[in-house]
Amino acid sequence: MELLIKQRVFSWTDTYDVCDETGEARYFVKGEFFSLGHKIHIYDKYTGEERGCIAQRLFTLLPTFDIYMGGQMVGTVKKKFTLFTQDYQVDYRGWDVEGDFLGWDYSVTEGCREVMTISKQWLSWGDTYTLSYSNPADELPGLLLVIAIDAANCDHSD
């Protein structure tokens, strides 16, 4: 199964459209315009219900983003200090994230099981990511992880 996560180019905030492999809309992602730090909400495209949120921690040396589901903090993505590469400390669902963050090709594993792969499509209008996963229960958590890493990657406070 796949999700296609496409960032809207002409938007004042972090805004993404999320479709499944058939092109059917699944989620809508929208950042808050007036907030201290990034705050990005994930909504169900059909019901309009908020499914999760990414919130930047303030007053941290390196960009740190908390992941929320159902109003509860469930994980954290923190950018590590490196000179020439992008690297993150991920504390989320017991998942390990490895790969080329700068090129946006990485995999997520839990123990010996590959949970998902994430890749960036090149030569597209706006950032476009493909999230491939096998377990439907990993769809929303995987989407939240991609948005959190993208927010940390694009943060200019470091």
N, C-alpha and C. Protein backbone atom coordinates (compact mmCIF):
# COMPACT_ATOMS: atom_id res chain seq x y z
N MET A 1 0.85 -1.16 0.00
CA MET A 1 0.00 0.00 0.00
C MET A 1 0.90 1.24 0.00
N GLU A 2 0.37 2.31 -0.55
CA GLU A 2 1.16 3.53 -0.64
C GLU A 2 0.31 4.77 -0.35
N LEU A 3 0.99 5.78 0.16
CA LEU A 3 0.43 7.12 0.27
C LEU A 3 1.34 8.05 -0.53
N LEU A 4 0.75 8.95 -1.26
CA LEU A 4 1.48 9.99 -1.97
C LEU A 4 1.23 11.30 -1.23
N ILE A 5 2.30 11.89 -0.73
CA ILE A 5 2.21 13.10 0.10
C ILE A 5 2.77 14.25 -0.72
N LYS A 6 1.91 15.16 -1.15
CA LYS A 6 2.32 16.24 -2.04
C LYS A 6 2.13 17.60 -1.37
N GLN A 7 3.23 18.33 -1.26
CA GLN A 7 3.18 19.65 -0.63
C GLN A 7 2.64 20.67 -1.63
N ARG A 8 1.76 21.53 -1.14
CA ARG A 8 1.25 22.61 -1.98
C ARG A 8 2.31 23.71 -2.06
N VAL A 9 2.57 24.18 -3.27
CA VAL A 9 3.65 25.14 -3.48
C VAL A 9 3.25 26.54 -3.04
N PHE A 10 2.09 26.99 -3.45
CA PHE A 10 1.67 28.36 -3.16
C PHE A 10 0.75 28.39 -1.95
N SER A 11 1.36 28.29 -0.77
CA SER A 11 0.61 28.30 0.47
C SER A 11 1.44 29.01 1.53
N TRP A 12 0.78 29.76 2.41
CA TRP A 12 1.47 30.49 3.46
C TRP A 12 1.95 29.59 4.58
N THR A 13 1.37 28.41 4.70
CA THR A 13 1.74 27.48 5.77
C THR A 13 2.11 26.12 5.16
N ASP A 14 2.60 25.22 5.99
CA ASP A 14 2.87 23.85 5.55
C ASP A 14 1.53 23.21 5.20
N THR A 15 1.33 22.92 3.93
CA THR A 15 0.07 22.34 3.47
C THR A 15 0.38 21.19 2.52
N TYR A 16 -0.26 20.04 2.77
CA TYR A 16 -0.04 18.86 1.94
C TYR A 16 -1.38 18.22 1.61
N ASP A 17 -1.44 17.62 0.44
CA ASP A 17 -2.55 16.75 0.08
C ASP A 17 -2.01 15.32 0.12
N VAL A 18 -2.77 14.41 0.70
CA VAL A 18 -2.32 13.03 0.84
C VAL A 18 -3.34 12.12 0.16
N CYS A 19 -2.85 11.34 -0.83
CA CYS A 19 -3.71 10.43 -1.59
C CYS A 19 -3.18 9.01 -1.46
N ASP A 20 -4.07 8.04 -1.69
CA ASP A 20 -3.62 6.64 -1.72
C ASP A 20 -3.10 6.32 -3.12
N GLU A 21 -2.74 5.05 -3.35
CA GLU A 21 -2.14 4.66 -4.63
C GLU A 21 -3.10 4.78 -5.81
N THR A 22 -4.40 4.87 -5.54
CA THR A 22 -5.37 5.04 -6.63
C THR A 22 -5.62 6.52 -6.95
N GLY A 23 -5.02 7.41 -6.17
CA GLY A 23 -5.22 8.84 -6.38
C GLY A 23 -6.36 9.41 -5.56
N GLU A 24 -7.00 8.59 -4.74
CA GLU A 24 -8.12 9.05 -3.92
C GLU A 24 -7.58 9.79 -2.69
N ALA A 25 -8.15 10.96 -2.42
CA ALA A 25 -7.72 11.77 -1.27
C ALA A 25 -8.01 11.04 0.03
N ARG A 26 -7.02 11.05 0.96
CA ARG A 26 -7.18 10.39 2.25
C ARG A 26 -7.07 11.37 3.42
N TYR A 27 -6.07 12.26 3.35
CA TYR A 27 -5.82 13.20 4.44
C TYR A 27 -5.51 14.57 3.86
N PHE A 28 -5.71 15.58 4.71
CA PHE A 28 -5.33 16.94 4.39
C PHE A 28 -4.46 17.44 5.54
N VAL A 29 -3.31 17.99 5.22
CA VAL A 29 -2.36 18.43 6.24
C VAL A 29 -2.21 19.94 6.13
N LYS A 30 -2.38 20.63 7.27
CA LYS A 30 -2.35 22.09 7.26
C LYS A 30 -1.64 22.61 8.50
N GLY A 31 -0.68 23.51 8.28
CA GLY A 31 0.02 24.15 9.38
C GLY A 31 -0.72 25.37 9.86
N GLU A 32 -0.51 25.72 11.12
CA GLU A 32 -1.11 26.93 11.67
C GLU A 32 -0.33 28.14 11.20
N PHE A 33 -1.05 29.20 10.86
CA PHE A 33 -0.40 30.43 10.37
C PHE A 33 0.18 31.22 11.53
N PHE A 34 -0.59 31.38 12.59
CA PHE A 34 -0.13 32.14 13.75
C PHE A 34 0.13 31.18 14.92
N SER A 35 1.37 30.76 15.07
CA SER A 35 1.73 29.92 16.20
C SER A 35 3.22 30.11 16.47
N LEU A 36 3.60 29.87 17.70
CA LEU A 36 5.01 29.90 18.03
C LEU A 36 5.60 28.55 17.64
N GLY A 37 6.51 28.54 16.69
CA GLY A 37 7.04 27.29 16.16
C GLY A 37 6.05 26.67 15.19
N HIS A 38 6.50 25.62 14.53
CA HIS A 38 5.61 24.91 13.61
C HIS A 38 4.56 24.14 14.40
N LYS A 39 3.33 24.17 13.92
CA LYS A 39 2.26 23.33 14.45
C LYS A 39 1.45 22.90 13.24
N ILE A 40 1.47 21.60 12.98
CA ILE A 40 0.88 21.06 11.76
C ILE A 40 -0.17 20.02 12.14
N HIS A 41 -1.36 20.15 11.56
CA HIS A 41 -2.48 19.26 11.88
C HIS A 41 -2.77 18.35 10.69
N ILE A 42 -3.11 17.09 10.99
CA ILE A 42 -3.49 16.11 9.97
C ILE A 42 -4.97 15.82 10.15
N TYR A 43 -5.74 16.04 9.06
CA TYR A 43 -7.19 15.86 9.10
C TYR A 43 -7.61 14.74 8.16
N ASP A 44 -8.64 14.00 8.55
CA ASP A 44 -9.27 13.03 7.68
C ASP A 44 -9.97 13.80 6.56
N LYS A 45 -9.72 13.44 5.33
CA LYS A 45 -10.28 14.18 4.19
C LYS A 45 -11.80 14.07 4.12
N TYR A 46 -12.36 12.96 4.60
CA TYR A 46 -13.81 12.75 4.49
C TYR A 46 -14.59 13.37 5.64
N THR A 47 -14.10 13.19 6.86
CA THR A 47 -14.86 13.65 8.02
C THR A 47 -14.42 15.02 8.52
N GLY A 48 -13.20 15.44 8.14
CA GLY A 48 -12.66 16.70 8.64
C GLY A 48 -12.12 16.59 10.06
N GLU A 49 -12.18 15.39 10.64
CA GLU A 49 -11.72 15.16 12.01
C GLU A 49 -10.19 15.19 12.06
N GLU A 50 -9.65 15.86 13.10
CA GLU A 50 -8.20 15.87 13.27
C GLU A 50 -7.75 14.48 13.70
N ARG A 51 -6.75 13.95 12.98
CA ARG A 51 -6.23 12.61 13.26
C ARG A 51 -4.90 12.64 13.99
N GLY A 52 -4.19 13.78 13.91
CA GLY A 52 -2.90 13.88 14.58
C GLY A 52 -2.34 15.28 14.43
N CYS A 53 -1.24 15.53 15.13
CA CYS A 53 -0.65 16.86 15.12
C CYS A 53 0.86 16.73 15.33
N ILE A 54 1.61 17.63 14.70
CA ILE A 54 3.05 17.74 14.89
C ILE A 54 3.28 19.13 15.49
N ALA A 55 3.98 19.20 16.61
CA ALA A 55 4.22 20.49 17.26
C ALA A 55 5.71 20.64 17.58
N GLN A 56 6.25 21.79 17.21
CA GLN A 56 7.66 22.06 17.48
C GLN A 56 7.84 22.47 18.93
N ARG A 57 8.84 21.88 19.58
CA ARG A 57 9.19 22.31 20.93
C ARG A 57 9.96 23.62 20.82
N LEU A 58 9.63 24.54 21.68
CA LEU A 58 10.32 25.82 21.69
C LEU A 58 11.51 25.77 22.64
N PHE A 59 12.45 26.66 22.42
CA PHE A 59 13.61 26.84 23.29
C PHE A 59 14.48 25.58 23.37
N THR A 60 14.67 24.90 22.23
CA THR A 60 15.59 23.78 22.15
C THR A 60 16.73 24.18 21.23
N LEU A 61 17.89 23.63 21.48
CA LEU A 61 19.06 23.96 20.67
C LEU A 61 18.88 23.51 19.22
N LEU A 62 18.41 22.30 19.02
CA LEU A 62 18.18 21.76 17.69
C LEU A 62 16.68 21.52 17.50
N PRO A 63 16.19 21.59 16.25
CA PRO A 63 14.76 21.40 16.01
C PRO A 63 14.25 20.08 16.58
N THR A 64 13.19 20.17 17.37
CA THR A 64 12.57 19.01 17.99
C THR A 64 11.07 19.10 17.79
N PHE A 65 10.48 18.01 17.32
CA PHE A 65 9.05 17.99 17.03
C PHE A 65 8.39 16.83 17.76
N ASP A 66 7.29 17.12 18.44
CA ASP A 66 6.51 16.10 19.14
C ASP A 66 5.36 15.67 18.25
N ILE A 67 5.05 14.38 18.29
CA ILE A 67 3.98 13.80 17.49
C ILE A 67 2.82 13.46 18.43
N TYR A 68 1.63 13.94 18.07
CA TYR A 68 0.43 13.73 18.89
C TYR A 68 -0.63 12.95 18.10
N MET A 69 -1.26 12.01 18.78
CA MET A 69 -2.44 11.30 18.24
C MET A 69 -3.47 11.27 19.36
N GLY A 70 -4.70 11.65 19.05
CA GLY A 70 -5.75 11.65 20.06
C GLY A 70 -5.46 12.56 21.23
N GLY A 71 -4.72 13.64 20.98
CA GLY A 71 -4.39 14.58 22.04
C GLY A 71 -3.24 14.14 22.95
N GLN A 72 -2.70 12.95 22.73
CA GLN A 72 -1.61 12.42 23.56
C GLN A 72 -0.30 12.44 22.77
N MET A 73 0.78 12.87 23.43
CA MET A 73 2.08 12.82 22.77
C MET A 73 2.51 11.36 22.67
N VAL A 74 2.84 10.94 21.44
CA VAL A 74 3.19 9.54 21.21
C VAL A 74 4.62 9.37 20.72
N GLY A 75 5.31 10.46 20.41
CA GLY A 75 6.67 10.33 19.92
C GLY A 75 7.35 11.66 19.69
N THR A 76 8.66 11.58 19.39
CA THR A 76 9.48 12.77 19.19
C THR A 76 10.48 12.53 18.06
N VAL A 77 10.67 13.57 17.26
CA VAL A 77 11.72 13.57 16.23
C VAL A 77 12.61 14.77 16.53
N LYS A 78 13.92 14.50 16.71
CA LYS A 78 14.86 15.56 17.03
C LYS A 78 16.01 15.52 16.03
N LYS A 79 16.31 16.68 15.46
CA LYS A 79 17.42 16.77 14.53
C LYS A 79 18.72 16.69 15.31
N LYS A 80 19.66 15.85 14.84
CA LYS A 80 20.97 15.73 15.49
C LYS A 80 21.93 16.76 14.89
N PHE A 81 22.95 17.13 15.67
CA PHE A 81 23.96 18.04 15.16
C PHE A 81 24.93 17.26 14.27
N THR A 82 24.96 17.60 12.99
CA THR A 82 25.90 17.03 12.02
C THR A 82 26.33 18.14 11.08
N LEU A 83 27.48 17.98 10.46
CA LEU A 83 27.98 19.02 9.57
C LEU A 83 27.49 18.88 8.14
N PHE A 84 27.52 17.69 7.58
CA PHE A 84 27.25 17.56 6.15
C PHE A 84 26.09 16.64 5.81
N THR A 85 25.44 16.09 6.80
CA THR A 85 24.33 15.18 6.55
C THR A 85 23.14 15.57 7.42
N GLN A 86 22.00 14.99 7.12
CA GLN A 86 20.81 15.15 7.94
C GLN A 86 20.65 13.86 8.75
N ASP A 87 20.54 13.98 10.05
CA ASP A 87 20.34 12.81 10.89
C ASP A 87 19.38 13.19 12.01
N TYR A 88 18.55 12.22 12.42
CA TYR A 88 17.51 12.48 13.40
C TYR A 88 17.50 11.42 14.47
N GLN A 89 17.15 11.82 15.66
CA GLN A 89 16.88 10.89 16.76
C GLN A 89 15.37 10.72 16.81
N VAL A 90 14.91 9.50 16.58
CA VAL A 90 13.48 9.22 16.53
C VAL A 90 13.09 8.34 17.70
N ASP A 91 12.18 8.83 18.53
CA ASP A 91 11.63 8.08 19.65
C ASP A 91 10.13 7.95 19.39
N TYR A 92 9.76 6.88 18.66
CA TYR A 92 8.39 6.78 18.17
C TYR A 92 8.06 5.32 17.87
N ARG A 93 7.15 4.75 18.64
CA ARG A 93 6.61 3.40 18.41
C ARG A 93 7.66 2.30 18.41
N GLY A 94 8.84 2.54 18.93
CA GLY A 94 9.90 1.54 18.90
C GLY A 94 10.50 1.36 17.52
N TRP A 95 10.25 2.31 16.63
CA TRP A 95 10.74 2.23 15.26
C TRP A 95 12.16 2.76 15.16
N ASP A 96 12.94 2.15 14.27
CA ASP A 96 14.27 2.64 13.91
C ASP A 96 14.19 3.19 12.49
N VAL A 97 14.78 4.36 12.28
CA VAL A 97 14.75 5.00 10.97
C VAL A 97 16.18 5.11 10.47
N GLU A 98 16.43 4.56 9.29
CA GLU A 98 17.76 4.60 8.70
C GLU A 98 17.66 4.94 7.23
N GLY A 99 18.71 5.61 6.74
CA GLY A 99 18.77 5.90 5.32
C GLY A 99 19.37 7.24 5.04
N ASP A 100 19.13 7.71 3.85
CA ASP A 100 19.67 8.97 3.37
C ASP A 100 18.63 10.07 3.56
N PHE A 101 18.67 10.74 4.71
CA PHE A 101 17.69 11.79 4.99
C PHE A 101 17.84 12.97 4.05
N LEU A 102 19.07 13.27 3.65
CA LEU A 102 19.30 14.40 2.75
C LEU A 102 18.64 14.14 1.40
N GLY A 103 18.72 12.90 0.94
CA GLY A 103 18.09 12.53 -0.32
C GLY A 103 16.69 12.01 -0.16
N TRP A 104 16.24 11.88 1.08
CA TRP A 104 14.89 11.44 1.41
C TRP A 104 14.57 10.04 0.96
N ASP A 105 15.51 9.12 1.08
CA ASP A 105 15.24 7.71 0.87
C ASP A 105 15.62 7.00 2.15
N TYR A 106 14.65 6.54 2.89
CA TYR A 106 14.95 5.85 4.13
C TYR A 106 13.90 4.81 4.44
N SER A 107 14.27 3.92 5.35
CA SER A 107 13.36 2.84 5.73
C SER A 107 13.12 2.89 7.24
N VAL A 108 11.98 2.39 7.61
CA VAL A 108 11.58 2.34 9.01
C VAL A 108 11.42 0.87 9.37
N THR A 109 12.09 0.45 10.44
CA THR A 109 12.01 -0.94 10.86
C THR A 109 11.61 -1.01 12.33
N GLU A 110 11.06 -2.16 12.68
CA GLU A 110 10.73 -2.48 14.07
C GLU A 110 11.30 -3.87 14.32
N GLY A 111 12.43 -3.92 15.02
CA GLY A 111 13.13 -5.20 15.16
C GLY A 111 13.66 -5.62 13.80
N CYS A 112 13.27 -6.80 13.36
CA CYS A 112 13.69 -7.31 12.05
C CYS A 112 12.67 -7.03 10.95
N ARG A 113 11.54 -6.46 11.29
CA ARG A 113 10.46 -6.24 10.32
C ARG A 113 10.56 -4.84 9.72
N GLU A 114 10.52 -4.77 8.39
CA GLU A 114 10.47 -3.47 7.73
C GLU A 114 9.03 -2.96 7.80
N VAL A 115 8.86 -1.80 8.42
CA VAL A 115 7.53 -1.23 8.60
C VAL A 115 7.12 -0.46 7.35
N MET A 116 8.05 0.35 6.82
CA MET A 116 7.73 1.16 5.64
C MET A 116 9.01 1.69 5.03
N THR A 117 8.87 2.18 3.79
CA THR A 117 9.95 2.91 3.14
C THR A 117 9.38 4.26 2.72
N ILE A 118 10.24 5.25 2.73
CA ILE A 118 9.83 6.61 2.38
C ILE A 118 10.84 7.14 1.37
N SER A 119 10.33 7.69 0.28
CA SER A 119 11.23 8.24 -0.73
C SER A 119 10.64 9.54 -1.27
N LYS A 120 11.55 10.40 -1.70
CA LYS A 120 11.16 11.69 -2.28
C LYS A 120 11.19 11.56 -3.78
N GLN A 121 10.16 12.07 -4.43
CA GLN A 121 10.13 12.09 -5.88
C GLN A 121 10.84 13.34 -6.37
N TRP A 122 11.77 13.16 -7.25
CA TRP A 122 12.51 14.28 -7.80
C TRP A 122 11.79 14.82 -9.03
N LEU A 123 12.10 16.04 -9.38
CA LEU A 123 11.52 16.72 -10.54
C LEU A 123 10.01 16.81 -10.46
N SER A 124 9.51 17.14 -9.29
CA SER A 124 8.07 17.34 -9.12
C SER A 124 7.85 18.77 -8.63
N TRP A 125 6.68 19.29 -8.88
CA TRP A 125 6.32 20.64 -8.47
C TRP A 125 5.96 20.60 -7.00
N GLY A 126 6.83 21.11 -6.16
CA GLY A 126 6.65 20.99 -4.72
C GLY A 126 7.19 19.66 -4.24
N ASP A 127 7.44 19.56 -2.96
CA ASP A 127 7.95 18.30 -2.40
C ASP A 127 6.87 17.23 -2.48
N THR A 128 7.26 16.06 -2.98
CA THR A 128 6.34 14.94 -3.09
C THR A 128 7.04 13.70 -2.54
N TYR A 129 6.38 13.01 -1.61
CA TYR A 129 6.95 11.84 -0.97
C TYR A 129 6.04 10.64 -1.19
N THR A 130 6.66 9.47 -1.31
CA THR A 130 5.91 8.22 -1.40
C THR A 130 6.20 7.41 -0.14
N LEU A 131 5.15 7.04 0.55
CA LEU A 131 5.23 6.23 1.76
C LEU A 131 4.66 4.85 1.42
N SER A 132 5.51 3.82 1.43
CA SER A 132 5.08 2.46 1.12
C SER A 132 5.07 1.64 2.41
N TYR A 133 3.97 0.96 2.67
CA TYR A 133 3.80 0.20 3.91
C TYR A 133 2.95 -1.03 3.62
N SER A 134 3.02 -2.03 4.49
CA SER A 134 2.25 -3.26 4.27
C SER A 134 1.10 -3.41 5.26
N ASN A 135 1.23 -2.86 6.47
CA ASN A 135 0.19 -2.99 7.49
C ASN A 135 -0.67 -1.72 7.51
N PRO A 136 -1.98 -1.82 7.26
CA PRO A 136 -2.84 -0.63 7.27
C PRO A 136 -2.78 0.15 8.58
N ALA A 137 -2.48 -0.51 9.70
CA ALA A 137 -2.40 0.18 10.99
C ALA A 137 -1.21 1.14 11.05
N ASP A 138 -0.25 0.99 10.16
CA ASP A 138 0.93 1.86 10.14
C ASP A 138 0.74 3.09 9.25
N GLU A 139 -0.40 3.21 8.58
CA GLU A 139 -0.62 4.31 7.64
C GLU A 139 -0.54 5.68 8.32
N LEU A 140 -1.40 5.94 9.29
CA LEU A 140 -1.42 7.24 9.96
C LEU A 140 -0.14 7.50 10.75
N PRO A 141 0.36 6.54 11.55
CA PRO A 141 1.63 6.79 12.24
C PRO A 141 2.77 7.08 11.27
N GLY A 142 2.79 6.40 10.13
CA GLY A 142 3.82 6.66 9.13
C GLY A 142 3.70 8.05 8.54
N LEU A 143 2.48 8.48 8.26
CA LEU A 143 2.25 9.83 7.74
C LEU A 143 2.73 10.87 8.74
N LEU A 144 2.41 10.68 10.01
CA LEU A 144 2.85 11.62 11.04
C LEU A 144 4.38 11.68 11.11
N LEU A 145 5.04 10.55 10.97
CA LEU A 145 6.50 10.52 10.99
C LEU A 145 7.08 11.29 9.82
N VAL A 146 6.54 11.10 8.62
CA VAL A 146 7.03 11.82 7.43
C VAL A 146 6.88 13.32 7.61
N ILE A 147 5.73 13.76 8.09
CA ILE A 147 5.49 15.19 8.27
C ILE A 147 6.43 15.76 9.34
N ALA A 148 6.68 15.00 10.41
CA ALA A 148 7.59 15.48 11.47
C ALA A 148 9.02 15.60 10.94
N ILE A 149 9.48 14.63 10.18
CA ILE A 149 10.84 14.70 9.63
C ILE A 149 10.94 15.82 8.61
N ASP A 150 9.92 16.00 7.78
CA ASP A 150 9.94 17.10 6.82
C ASP A 150 9.99 18.44 7.53
N ALA A 151 9.23 18.59 8.60
CA ALA A 151 9.24 19.84 9.37
C ALA A 151 10.61 20.08 9.97
N ALA A 152 11.23 19.05 10.53
CA ALA A 152 12.57 19.21 11.12
C ALA A 152 13.60 19.50 10.05
N ASN A 153 13.43 18.89 8.89
CA ASN A 153 14.36 19.09 7.78
C ASN A 153 14.27 20.50 7.21
N CYS A 154 13.08 21.07 7.23
CA CYS A 154 12.86 22.40 6.64
C CYS A 154 13.00 23.52 7.66
N ASP A 155 13.17 23.20 8.92
CA ASP A 155 13.27 24.23 9.96
C ASP A 155 14.57 25.01 9.77
N HIS A 156 14.47 26.33 9.80
CA HIS A 156 15.62 27.19 9.56
C HIS A 156 16.16 27.82 10.81
N SER A 157 15.77 27.32 11.97
CA SER A 157 16.24 27.94 13.21
C SER A 157 17.60 27.39 13.63
N ASP A 158 18.11 26.35 12.93
CA ASP A 158 19.41 25.81 13.34
C ASP A 158 20.54 26.39 12.52
